[in-house]
């Protein structure tokens, strides 16, 4: 009888240890997710800004006229498009990291 109680007590202790470990992992993943979400918001702002820059060059804005006069509008447009692409890649990467973290949280 005591042996059975000791076995059950040991199983309960192990269960508590597993629970504590999982709780710690969940806490860490939730904190990591918050960081990713903040970075994602920053990357989204960056992407919006870069897309706005491209749109401004396409319009008949003062900046577009300035680059046309200098003869470097196409170069500037290419540079802005590369910046849009870079911002989009960073945003896609952070979104993937957020999805992975959410999946790990759901598994735990």
PDB file of N, CA and C in Angstrom:
ATOM      1  N   UNK A   1       0.819  -1.186   0.000  1.00  0.00           N
ATOM      2  CA  UNK A   1       0.000   0.000   0.000  1.00  0.00           C
ATOM      3  C   UNK A   1       0.875   1.267   0.000  1.00  0.00           C
ATOM      4  N   UNK A   2       1.897   1.265   0.892  1.00  0.00           N
ATOM      5  CA  UNK A   2       2.796   2.425   0.926  1.00  0.00           C
ATOM      6  C   UNK A   2       3.589   2.542  -0.372  1.00  0.00           C
ATOM      7  N   UNK A   3       3.924   1.399  -0.932  1.00  0.00           N
ATOM      8  CA  UNK A   3       4.673   1.405  -2.181  1.00  0.00           C
ATOM      9  C   UNK A   3       3.842   2.025  -3.305  1.00  0.00           C
ATOM     10  N   UNK A   4       2.573   1.687  -3.339  1.00  0.00           N
ATOM     11  CA  UNK A   4       1.677   2.244  -4.352  1.00  0.00           C
ATOM     12  C   UNK A   4       1.513   3.754  -4.143  1.00  0.00           C
ATOM     13  N   UNK A   5       1.400   4.178  -2.904  1.00  0.00           N
ATOM     14  CA  UNK A   5       1.260   5.606  -2.598  1.00  0.00           C
ATOM     15  C   UNK A   5       2.534   6.359  -2.979  1.00  0.00           C
ATOM     16  N   UNK A   6       3.685   5.753  -2.701  1.00  0.00           N
ATOM     17  CA  UNK A   6       4.955   6.379  -3.071  1.00  0.00           C
ATOM     18  C   UNK A   6       5.075   6.501  -4.594  1.00  0.00           C
ATOM     19  N   UNK A   7       4.639   5.477  -5.301  1.00  0.00           N
ATOM     20  CA  UNK A   7       4.670   5.510  -6.766  1.00  0.00           C
ATOM     21  C   UNK A   7       3.767   6.623  -7.286  1.00  0.00           C
ATOM     22  N   UNK A   8       2.555   6.719  -6.740  1.00  0.00           N
ATOM     23  CA  UNK A   8       1.622   7.766  -7.161  1.00  0.00           C
ATOM     24  C   UNK A   8       2.174   9.149  -6.823  1.00  0.00           C
ATOM     25  N   UNK A   9       2.780   9.267  -5.660  1.00  0.00           N
ATOM     26  CA  UNK A   9       3.361  10.537  -5.247  1.00  0.00           C
ATOM     27  C   UNK A   9       4.498  10.936  -6.183  1.00  0.00           C
ATOM     28  N   UNK A  10       5.317   9.978  -6.570  1.00  0.00           N
ATOM     29  CA  UNK A  10       6.418  10.251  -7.499  1.00  0.00           C
ATOM     30  C   UNK A  10       5.874  10.678  -8.868  1.00  0.00           C
ATOM     31  N   UNK A  11       4.811  10.021  -9.330  1.00  0.00           N
ATOM     32  CA  UNK A  11       4.187  10.400 -10.608  1.00  0.00           C
ATOM     33  C   UNK A  11       3.625  11.818 -10.537  1.00  0.00           C
ATOM     34  N   UNK A  12       3.025  12.161  -9.408  1.00  0.00           N
ATOM     35  CA  UNK A  12       2.490  13.513  -9.222  1.00  0.00           C
ATOM     36  C   UNK A  12       3.610  14.555  -9.229  1.00  0.00           C
ATOM     37  N   UNK A  13       4.718  14.240  -8.585  1.00  0.00           N
ATOM     38  CA  UNK A  13       5.857  15.150  -8.567  1.00  0.00           C
ATOM     39  C   UNK A  13       6.380  15.366  -9.989  1.00  0.00           C
ATOM     40  N   UNK A  14       6.487  14.279 -10.742  1.00  0.00           N
ATOM     41  CA  UNK A  14       6.953  14.388 -12.123  1.00  0.00           C
ATOM     42  C   UNK A  14       5.970  15.206 -12.966  1.00  0.00           C
ATOM     43  N   UNK A  15       4.689  15.011 -12.710  1.00  0.00           N
ATOM     44  CA  UNK A  15       3.663  15.785 -13.424  1.00  0.00           C
ATOM     45  C   UNK A  15       3.769  17.267 -13.115  1.00  0.00           C
ATOM     46  N   UNK A  16       4.028  17.585 -11.875  1.00  0.00           N
ATOM     47  CA  UNK A  16       4.188  18.988 -11.475  1.00  0.00           C
ATOM     48  C   UNK A  16       5.422  19.585 -12.151  1.00  0.00           C
ATOM     49  N   UNK A  17       6.494  18.824 -12.203  1.00  0.00           N
ATOM     50  CA  UNK A  17       7.713  19.301 -12.875  1.00  0.00           C
ATOM     51  C   UNK A  17       7.452  19.552 -14.360  1.00  0.00           C
ATOM     52  N   UNK A  18       6.749  18.634 -15.006  1.00  0.00           N
ATOM     53  CA  UNK A  18       6.415  18.817 -16.429  1.00  0.00           C
ATOM     54  C   UNK A  18       5.533  20.044 -16.616  1.00  0.00           C
ATOM     55  N   UNK A  19       4.558  20.205 -15.735  1.00  0.00           N
ATOM     56  CA  UNK A  19       3.661  21.364 -15.804  1.00  0.00           C
ATOM     57  C   UNK A  19       4.444  22.667 -15.661  1.00  0.00           C
ATOM     58  N   UNK A  20       5.337  22.712 -14.682  1.00  0.00           N
ATOM     59  CA  UNK A  20       6.151  23.918 -14.478  1.00  0.00           C
ATOM     60  C   UNK A  20       7.028  24.221 -15.700  1.00  0.00           C
ATOM     61  N   UNK A  21       7.591  23.176 -16.272  1.00  0.00           N
ATOM     62  CA  UNK A  21       8.442  23.353 -17.449  1.00  0.00           C
ATOM     63  C   UNK A  21       7.625  23.879 -18.625  1.00  0.00           C
ATOM     64  N   UNK A  22       6.447  23.310 -18.837  1.00  0.00           N
ATOM     65  CA  UNK A  22       5.578  23.755 -19.932  1.00  0.00           C
ATOM     66  C   UNK A  22       5.126  25.190 -19.697  1.00  0.00           C
ATOM     67  N   UNK A  23       4.782  25.522 -18.476  1.00  0.00           N
ATOM     68  CA  UNK A  23       4.370  26.898 -18.152  1.00  0.00           C
ATOM     69  C   UNK A  23       5.504  27.879 -18.441  1.00  0.00           C
ATOM     70  N   UNK A  24       6.701  27.493 -18.093  1.00  0.00           N
ATOM     71  CA  UNK A  24       7.863  28.342 -18.360  1.00  0.00           C
ATOM     72  C   UNK A  24       8.070  28.518 -19.865  1.00  0.00           C
ATOM     73  N   UNK A  25       7.941  27.443 -20.608  1.00  0.00           N
ATOM     74  CA  UNK A  25       8.083  27.522 -22.060  1.00  0.00           C
ATOM     75  C   UNK A  25       6.997  28.401 -22.669  1.00  0.00           C
ATOM     76  N   UNK A  26       5.765  28.246 -22.176  1.00  0.00           N
ATOM     77  CA  UNK A  26       4.654  29.062 -22.678  1.00  0.00           C
ATOM     78  C   UNK A  26       4.897  30.547 -22.404  1.00  0.00           C
ATOM     79  N   UNK A  27       5.372  30.839 -21.220  1.00  0.00           N
ATOM     80  CA  UNK A  27       5.647  32.231 -20.870  1.00  0.00           C
ATOM     81  C   UNK A  27       6.695  32.814 -21.810  1.00  0.00           C
ATOM     82  N   UNK A  28       7.743  32.053 -22.043  1.00  0.00           N
ATOM     83  CA  UNK A  28       8.807  32.504 -22.932  1.00  0.00           C
ATOM     84  C   UNK A  28       8.283  32.705 -24.355  1.00  0.00           C
ATOM     85  N   UNK A  29       7.487  31.767 -24.845  1.00  0.00           N
ATOM     86  CA  UNK A  29       6.941  31.879 -26.199  1.00  0.00           C
ATOM     87  C   UNK A  29       5.990  33.069 -26.320  1.00  0.00           C
ATOM     88  N   UNK A  30       5.202  33.323 -25.298  1.00  0.00           N
ATOM     89  CA  UNK A  30       4.281  34.474 -25.342  1.00  0.00           C
ATOM     90  C   UNK A  30       5.052  35.797 -25.355  1.00  0.00           C
ATOM     91  N   UNK A  31       6.128  35.857 -24.594  1.00  0.00           N
ATOM     92  CA  UNK A  31       6.966  37.062 -24.604  1.00  0.00           C
ATOM     93  C   UNK A  31       7.621  37.245 -25.963  1.00  0.00           C
ATOM     94  N   UNK A  32       8.080  36.144 -26.528  1.00  0.00           N
ATOM     95  CA  UNK A  32       8.695  36.182 -27.848  1.00  0.00           C
ATOM     96  C   UNK A  32       7.674  36.635 -28.896  1.00  0.00           C
ATOM     97  N   UNK A  33       6.453  36.164 -28.781  1.00  0.00           N
ATOM     98  CA  UNK A  33       5.394  36.544 -29.709  1.00  0.00           C
ATOM     99  C   UNK A  33       5.119  38.048 -29.636  1.00  0.00           C
ATOM    100  N   UNK A  34       5.122  38.608 -28.438  1.00  0.00           N
ATOM    101  CA  UNK A  34       4.916  40.053 -28.288  1.00  0.00           C
ATOM    102  C   UNK A  34       6.019  40.836 -28.992  1.00  0.00           C
ATOM    103  N   UNK A  35       7.261  40.360 -28.856  1.00  0.00           N
ATOM    104  CA  UNK A  35       8.384  41.024 -29.529  1.00  0.00           C
ATOM    105  C   UNK A  35       8.202  40.940 -31.045  1.00  0.00           C
ATOM    106  N   UNK A  36       7.820  39.763 -31.541  1.00  0.00           N
ATOM    107  CA  UNK A  36       7.603  39.595 -32.972  1.00  0.00           C
ATOM    108  C   UNK A  36       6.485  40.502 -33.466  1.00  0.00           C
ATOM    109  N   UNK A  37       5.410  40.611 -32.695  1.00  0.00           N
ATOM    110  CA  UNK A  37       4.290  41.463 -33.098  1.00  0.00           C
ATOM    111  C   UNK A  37       4.721  42.927 -33.168  1.00  0.00           C
ATOM    112  N   UNK A  38       5.520  43.366 -32.206  1.00  0.00           N
ATOM    113  CA  UNK A  38       6.008  44.747 -32.227  1.00  0.00           C
ATOM    114  C   UNK A  38       6.901  44.978 -33.437  1.00  0.00           C
ATOM    115  N   UNK A  39       7.779  44.039 -33.699  1.00  0.00           N
ATOM    116  CA  UNK A  39       8.661  44.159 -34.868  1.00  0.00           C
ATOM    117  C   UNK A  39       7.846  44.112 -36.155  1.00  0.00           C
ATOM    118  N   UNK A  40       6.821  43.290 -36.177  1.00  0.00           N
ATOM    119  CA  UNK A  40       5.954  43.207 -37.350  1.00  0.00           C
ATOM    120  C   UNK A  40       5.271  44.537 -37.629  1.00  0.00           C
ATOM    121  N   UNK A  41       4.834  45.202 -36.574  1.00  0.00           N
ATOM    122  CA  UNK A  41       4.204  46.518 -36.739  1.00  0.00           C
ATOM    123  C   UNK A  41       5.214  47.526 -37.290  1.00  0.00           C
ATOM    124  N   UNK A  42       6.440  47.464 -36.797  1.00  0.00           N
ATOM    125  CA  UNK A  42       7.492  48.357 -37.309  1.00  0.00           C
ATOM    126  C   UNK A  42       7.777  48.069 -38.786  1.00  0.00           C
ATOM    127  N   UNK A  43       7.860  46.795 -39.131  1.00  0.00           N
ATOM    128  CA  UNK A  43       8.138  46.427 -40.515  1.00  0.00           C
ATOM    129  C   UNK A  43       6.984  46.828 -41.435  1.00  0.00           C
ATOM    130  N   UNK A  44       5.751  46.742 -40.919  1.00  0.00           N
ATOM    131  CA  UNK A  44       4.595  47.150 -41.720  1.00  0.00           C
ATOM    132  C   UNK A  44       4.649  48.654 -41.990  1.00  0.00           C
ATOM    133  N   UNK A  45       5.039  49.438 -40.977  1.00  0.00           N
ATOM    134  CA  UNK A  45       5.180  50.880 -41.167  1.00  0.00           C
ATOM    135  C   UNK A  45       6.261  51.178 -42.204  1.00  0.00           C
ATOM    136  N   UNK A  46       7.364  50.444 -42.110  1.00  0.00           N
ATOM    137  CA  UNK A  46       8.455  50.629 -43.062  1.00  0.00           C
ATOM    138  C   UNK A  46       7.994  50.302 -44.485  1.00  0.00           C
ATOM    139  N   UNK A  47       7.260  49.206 -44.625  1.00  0.00           N
ATOM    140  CA  UNK A  47       6.749  48.814 -45.934  1.00  0.00           C
ATOM    141  C   UNK A  47       5.800  49.874 -46.480  1.00  0.00           C
ATOM    142  N   UNK A  48       4.902  50.364 -45.631  1.00  0.00           N
ATOM    143  CA  UNK A  48       3.962  51.411 -46.052  1.00  0.00           C
ATOM    144  C   UNK A  48       4.711  52.651 -46.533  1.00  0.00           C
ATOM    145  N   UNK A  49       5.764  53.023 -45.814  1.00  0.00           N
ATOM    146  CA  UNK A  49       6.547  54.201 -46.181  1.00  0.00           C
ATOM    147  C   UNK A  49       7.221  53.991 -47.531  1.00  0.00           C
ATOM    148  N   UNK A  50       7.812  52.822 -47.718  1.00  0.00           N
ATOM    149  CA  UNK A  50       8.510  52.544 -48.973  1.00  0.00           C
ATOM    150  C   UNK A  50       7.530  52.494 -50.144  1.00  0.00           C
ATOM    151  N   UNK A  51       6.356  51.920 -49.926  1.00  0.00           N
ATOM    152  CA  UNK A  51       5.354  51.891 -50.986  1.00  0.00           C
ATOM    153  C   UNK A  51       4.879  53.301 -51.312  1.00  0.00           C
ATOM    154  N   UNK A  52       4.772  54.121 -50.293  1.00  0.00           N
ATOM    155  CA  UNK A  52       4.397  55.520 -50.503  1.00  0.00           C
ATOM    156  C   UNK A  52       5.450  56.247 -51.329  1.00  0.00           C
ATOM    157  N   UNK A  53       6.723  55.949 -51.061  1.00  0.00           N
ATOM    158  CA  UNK A  53       7.811  56.557 -51.835  1.00  0.00           C
ATOM    159  C   UNK A  53       7.700  56.188 -53.315  1.00  0.00           C
ATOM    160  N   UNK A  54       7.397  54.930 -53.590  1.00  0.00           N
ATOM    161  CA  UNK A  54       7.249  54.486 -54.980  1.00  0.00           C
ATOM    162  C   UNK A  54       6.062  55.193 -55.628  1.00  0.00           C
ATOM    163  N   UNK A  55       4.951  55.268 -54.907  1.00  0.00           N
ATOM    164  CA  UNK A  55       3.767  55.941 -55.438  1.00  0.00           C
ATOM    165  C   UNK A  55       4.060  57.414 -55.727  1.00  0.00           C
ATOM    166  N   UNK A  56       4.810  58.051 -54.845  1.00  0.00           N
ATOM    167  CA  UNK A  56       5.140  59.459 -55.045  1.00  0.00           C
ATOM    168  C   UNK A  56       6.002  59.665 -56.281  1.00  0.00           C
ATOM    169  N   UNK A  57       6.889  58.730 -56.549  1.00  0.00           N
ATOM    170  CA  UNK A  57       7.713  58.841 -57.752  1.00  0.00           C
ATOM    171  C   UNK A  57       6.887  58.624 -59.015  1.00  0.00           C
ATOM    172  N   UNK A  58       5.834  57.834 -58.904  1.00  0.00           N
ATOM    173  CA  UNK A  58       4.969  57.586 -60.057  1.00  0.00           C
ATOM    174  C   UNK A  58       4.053  58.774 -60.332  1.00  0.00           C
ATOM    175  N   UNK A  59       3.763  59.554 -59.320  1.00  0.00           N
ATOM    176  CA  UNK A  59       2.899  60.716 -59.482  1.00  0.00           C
ATOM    177  C   UNK A  59       3.701  61.886 -60.044  1.00  0.00           C
ATOM    178  N   UNK A  60       3.019  62.899 -60.388  1.00  0.00           N
ATOM    179  CA  UNK A  60       3.660  64.135 -60.859  1.00  0.00           C
ATOM    180  C   UNK A  60       3.979  65.025 -59.660  1.00  0.00           C
ATOM    181  N   UNK A  61       4.708  64.470 -58.715  1.00  0.00           N
ATOM    182  CA  UNK A  61       5.066  65.224 -57.522  1.00  0.00           C
ATOM    183  C   UNK A  61       6.345  66.012 -57.761  1.00  0.00           C
ATOM    184  N   UNK A  62       6.629  66.889 -56.847  1.00  0.00           N
ATOM    185  CA  UNK A  62       7.846  67.689 -56.931  1.00  0.00           C
ATOM    186  C   UNK A  62       9.081  66.793 -56.922  1.00  0.00           C
ATOM    187  N   UNK A  63       9.062  65.762 -56.112  1.00  0.00           N
ATOM    188  CA  UNK A  63      10.184  64.824 -56.037  1.00  0.00           C
ATOM    189  C   UNK A  63      10.376  64.115 -57.375  1.00  0.00           C
ATOM    190  N   UNK A  64       9.271  63.657 -57.972  1.00  0.00           N
ATOM    191  CA  UNK A  64       9.352  62.960 -59.260  1.00  0.00           C
ATOM    192  C   UNK A  64       9.904  63.882 -60.333  1.00  0.00           C
ATOM    193  N   UNK A  65       9.440  65.113 -60.345  1.00  0.00           N
ATOM    194  CA  UNK A  65       9.930  66.088 -61.326  1.00  0.00           C
ATOM    195  C   UNK A  65      11.424  66.350 -61.106  1.00  0.00           C
ATOM    196  N   UNK A  66      11.826  66.456 -59.850  1.00  0.00           N
ATOM    197  CA  UNK A  66      13.233  66.678 -59.510  1.00  0.00           C
ATOM    198  C   UNK A  66      14.106  65.560 -60.078  1.00  0.00           C
ATOM    199  N   UNK A  67      13.692  64.323 -59.865  1.00  0.00           N
ATOM    200  CA  UNK A  67      14.480  63.189 -60.367  1.00  0.00           C
ATOM    201  C   UNK A  67      14.435  63.104 -61.887  1.00  0.00           C
ATOM    202  N   UNK A  68      13.303  63.504 -62.515  1.00  0.00           N
ATOM    203  CA  UNK A  68      13.214  63.508 -63.968  1.00  0.00           C
ATOM    204  C   UNK A  68      14.203  64.509 -64.556  1.00  0.00           C
ATOM    205  N   UNK A  69      14.265  65.692 -63.943  1.00  0.00           N
ATOM    206  CA  UNK A  69      15.181  66.729 -64.418  1.00  0.00           C
ATOM    207  C   UNK A  69      16.626  66.249 -64.290  1.00  0.00           C
ATOM    208  N   UNK A  70      16.923  65.580 -63.199  1.00  0.00           N
ATOM    209  CA  UNK A  70      18.287  65.079 -63.007  1.00  0.00           C
ATOM    210  C   UNK A  70      18.587  63.869 -63.887  1.00  0.00           C
ATOM    211  N   UNK A  71      17.544  63.301 -64.447  1.00  0.00           N
ATOM    212  CA  UNK A  71      17.739  62.131 -65.292  1.00  0.00           C
ATOM    213  C   UNK A  71      17.947  60.845 -64.522  1.00  0.00           C
ATOM    214  N   UNK A  72      17.619  60.847 -63.260  1.00  0.00           N
ATOM    215  CA  UNK A  72      17.852  59.655 -62.439  1.00  0.00           C
ATOM    216  C   UNK A  72      16.556  59.080 -61.863  1.00  0.00           C
ATOM    217  N   UNK A  73      15.439  59.404 -62.503  1.00  0.00           N
ATOM    218  CA  UNK A  73      14.159  58.922 -61.973  1.00  0.00           C
ATOM    219  C   UNK A  73      14.091  57.394 -61.998  1.00  0.00           C
ATOM    220  N   UNK A  74      14.524  56.770 -63.114  1.00  0.00           N
ATOM    221  CA  UNK A  74      14.474  55.320 -63.193  1.00  0.00           C
ATOM    222  C   UNK A  74      15.371  54.669 -62.152  1.00  0.00           C
ATOM    223  N   UNK A  75      16.535  55.239 -61.935  1.00  0.00           N
ATOM    224  CA  UNK A  75      17.437  54.702 -60.909  1.00  0.00           C
ATOM    225  C   UNK A  75      16.800  54.810 -59.534  1.00  0.00           C
ATOM    226  N   UNK A  76      16.207  55.961 -59.265  1.00  0.00           N
ATOM    227  CA  UNK A  76      15.550  56.161 -57.970  1.00  0.00           C
ATOM    228  C   UNK A  76      14.365  55.213 -57.826  1.00  0.00           C
ATOM    229  N   UNK A  77      13.610  55.033 -58.922  1.00  0.00           N
ATOM    230  CA  UNK A  77      12.462  54.127 -58.889  1.00  0.00           C
ATOM    231  C   UNK A  77      12.929  52.701 -58.593  1.00  0.00           C
ATOM    232  N   UNK A  78      14.013  52.286 -59.234  1.00  0.00           N
ATOM    233  CA  UNK A  78      14.546  50.940 -58.991  1.00  0.00           C
ATOM    234  C   UNK A  78      14.992  50.793 -57.537  1.00  0.00           C
ATOM    235  N   UNK A  79      15.647  51.830 -57.021  1.00  0.00           N
ATOM    236  CA  UNK A  79      16.095  51.804 -55.625  1.00  0.00           C
ATOM    237  C   UNK A  79      14.894  51.694 -54.679  1.00  0.00           C
ATOM    238  N   UNK A  80      13.858  52.476 -54.948  1.00  0.00           N
ATOM    239  CA  UNK A  80      12.669  52.441 -54.095  1.00  0.00           C
ATOM    240  C   UNK A  80      11.975  51.089 -54.172  1.00  0.00           C
ATOM    241  N   UNK A  81      11.922  50.508 -55.353  1.00  0.00           N
ATOM    242  CA  UNK A  81      11.301  49.184 -55.493  1.00  0.00           C
ATOM    243  C   UNK A  81      12.086  48.123 -54.738  1.00  0.00           C
ATOM    244  N   UNK A  82      13.399  48.229 -54.755  1.00  0.00           N
ATOM    245  CA  UNK A  82      14.230  47.294 -53.993  1.00  0.00           C
ATOM    246  C   UNK A  82      13.978  47.455 -52.497  1.00  0.00           C
ATOM    247  N   UNK A  83      13.796  48.690 -52.067  1.00  0.00           N
ATOM    248  CA  UNK A  83      13.503  48.924 -50.654  1.00  0.00           C
ATOM    249  C   UNK A  83      12.142  48.366 -50.276  1.00  0.00           C
ATOM    250  N   UNK A  84      11.168  48.466 -51.191  1.00  0.00           N
ATOM    251  CA  UNK A  84       9.851  47.868 -50.942  1.00  0.00           C
ATOM    252  C   UNK A  84       9.994  46.359 -50.807  1.00  0.00           C
ATOM    253  N   UNK A  85      10.739  45.769 -51.718  1.00  0.00           N
ATOM    254  CA  UNK A  85      10.938  44.320 -51.683  1.00  0.00           C
ATOM    255  C   UNK A  85      11.640  43.889 -50.395  1.00  0.00           C
ATOM    256  N   UNK A  86      12.654  44.616 -49.984  1.00  0.00           N
ATOM    257  CA  UNK A  86      13.372  44.288 -48.747  1.00  0.00           C
ATOM    258  C   UNK A  86      12.438  44.393 -47.543  1.00  0.00           C
ATOM    259  N   UNK A  87      11.633  45.443 -47.511  1.00  0.00           N
ATOM    260  CA  UNK A  87      10.692  45.615 -46.399  1.00  0.00           C
ATOM    261  C   UNK A  87       9.655  44.497 -46.397  1.00  0.00           C
ATOM    262  N   UNK A  88       9.186  44.109 -47.580  1.00  0.00           N
ATOM    263  CA  UNK A  88       8.206  43.026 -47.679  1.00  0.00           C
ATOM    264  C   UNK A  88       8.806  41.708 -47.203  1.00  0.00           C
ATOM    265  N   UNK A  89      10.062  41.452 -47.562  1.00  0.00           N
ATOM    266  CA  UNK A  89      10.716  40.221 -47.124  1.00  0.00           C
ATOM    267  C   UNK A  89      10.868  40.185 -45.605  1.00  0.00           C
ATOM    268  N   UNK A  90      11.245  41.315 -45.012  1.00  0.00           N
ATOM    269  CA  UNK A  90      11.370  41.365 -43.546  1.00  0.00           C
ATOM    270  C   UNK A  90      10.016  41.120 -42.894  1.00  0.00           C
ATOM    271  N   UNK A  91       8.971  41.732 -43.457  1.00  0.00           N
ATOM    272  CA  UNK A  91       7.632  41.545 -42.896  1.00  0.00           C
ATOM    273  C   UNK A  91       7.194  40.093 -43.036  1.00  0.00           C
ATOM    274  N   UNK A  92       7.418  39.501 -44.196  1.00  0.00           N
ATOM    275  CA  UNK A  92       7.050  38.094 -44.394  1.00  0.00           C
ATOM    276  C   UNK A  92       7.784  37.178 -43.422  1.00  0.00           C
ATOM    277  N   UNK A  93       9.056  37.478 -43.180  1.00  0.00           N
ATOM    278  CA  UNK A  93       9.850  36.666 -42.256  1.00  0.00           C
ATOM    279  C   UNK A  93       9.298  36.746 -40.838  1.00  0.00           C
ATOM    280  N   UNK A  94       8.974  37.958 -40.395  1.00  0.00           N
ATOM    281  CA  UNK A  94       8.472  38.097 -39.025  1.00  0.00           C
ATOM    282  C   UNK A  94       7.083  37.470 -38.893  1.00  0.00           C
ATOM    283  N   UNK A  95       6.275  37.534 -39.939  1.00  0.00           N
ATOM    284  CA  UNK A  95       4.958  36.891 -39.914  1.00  0.00           C
ATOM    285  C   UNK A  95       5.128  35.380 -39.787  1.00  0.00           C
ATOM    286  N   UNK A  96       6.090  34.831 -40.516  1.00  0.00           N
ATOM    287  CA  UNK A  96       6.361  33.387 -40.423  1.00  0.00           C
ATOM    288  C   UNK A  96       6.807  33.020 -39.005  1.00  0.00           C
ATOM    289  N   UNK A  97       7.663  33.837 -38.419  1.00  0.00           N
ATOM    290  CA  UNK A  97       8.113  33.580 -37.051  1.00  0.00           C
ATOM    291  C   UNK A  97       6.940  33.647 -36.065  1.00  0.00           C
ATOM    292  N   UNK A  98       6.024  34.593 -36.280  1.00  0.00           N
ATOM    293  CA  UNK A  98       4.857  34.689 -35.406  1.00  0.00           C
ATOM    294  C   UNK A  98       3.976  33.450 -35.555  1.00  0.00           C
ATOM    295  N   UNK A  99       3.771  33.011 -36.794  1.00  0.00           N
ATOM    296  CA  UNK A  99       2.962  31.811 -37.019  1.00  0.00           C
ATOM    297  C   UNK A  99       3.590  30.590 -36.364  1.00  0.00           C
ATOM    298  N   UNK A 100       4.901  30.447 -36.492  1.00  0.00           N
ATOM    299  CA  UNK A 100       5.600  29.323 -35.867  1.00  0.00           C
ATOM    300  C   UNK A 100       5.462  29.363 -34.346  1.00  0.00           C
ATOM    301  N   UNK A 101       5.606  30.556 -33.786  1.00  0.00           N
ATOM    302  CA  UNK A 101       5.499  30.705 -32.331  1.00  0.00           C
ATOM    303  C   UNK A 101       4.074  30.390 -31.872  1.00  0.00           C
ATOM    304  N   UNK A 102       3.073  30.865 -32.603  1.00  0.00           N
ATOM    305  CA  UNK A 102       1.677  30.565 -32.246  1.00  0.00           C
ATOM    306  C   UNK A 102       1.416  29.059 -32.326  1.00  0.00           C
ATOM    307  N   UNK A 103       2.006  28.410 -33.320  1.00  0.00           N
ATOM    308  CA  UNK A 103       1.842  26.965 -33.451  1.00  0.00           C
ATOM    309  C   UNK A 103       2.468  26.243 -32.249  1.00  0.00           C
ATOM    310  N   UNK A 104       3.663  26.670 -31.853  1.00  0.00           N
ATOM    311  CA  UNK A 104       4.317  26.056 -30.689  1.00  0.00           C
ATOM    312  C   UNK A 104       3.484  26.271 -29.426  1.00  0.00           C
ATOM    313  N   UNK A 105       2.903  27.449 -29.296  1.00  0.00           N
ATOM    314  CA  UNK A 105       2.052  27.726 -28.126  1.00  0.00           C
ATOM    315  C   UNK A 105       0.843  26.799 -28.151  1.00  0.00           C
ATOM    316  N   UNK A 106       0.230  26.644 -29.310  1.00  0.00           N
ATOM    317  CA  UNK A 106      -0.956  25.794 -29.387  1.00  0.00           C
ATOM    318  C   UNK A 106      -0.620  24.327 -29.086  1.00  0.00           C
ATOM    319  N   UNK A 107       0.581  23.887 -29.473  1.00  0.00           N
ATOM    320  CA  UNK A 107       0.978  22.512 -29.182  1.00  0.00           C
ATOM    321  C   UNK A 107       1.164  22.297 -27.690  1.00  0.00           C
ATOM    322  N   UNK A 108       1.700  23.314 -27.022  1.00  0.00           N
ATOM    323  CA  UNK A 108       1.925  23.167 -25.580  1.00  0.00           C
ATOM    324  C   UNK A 108       0.614  23.271 -24.827  1.00  0.00           C
TER     325      UNK A 108
END
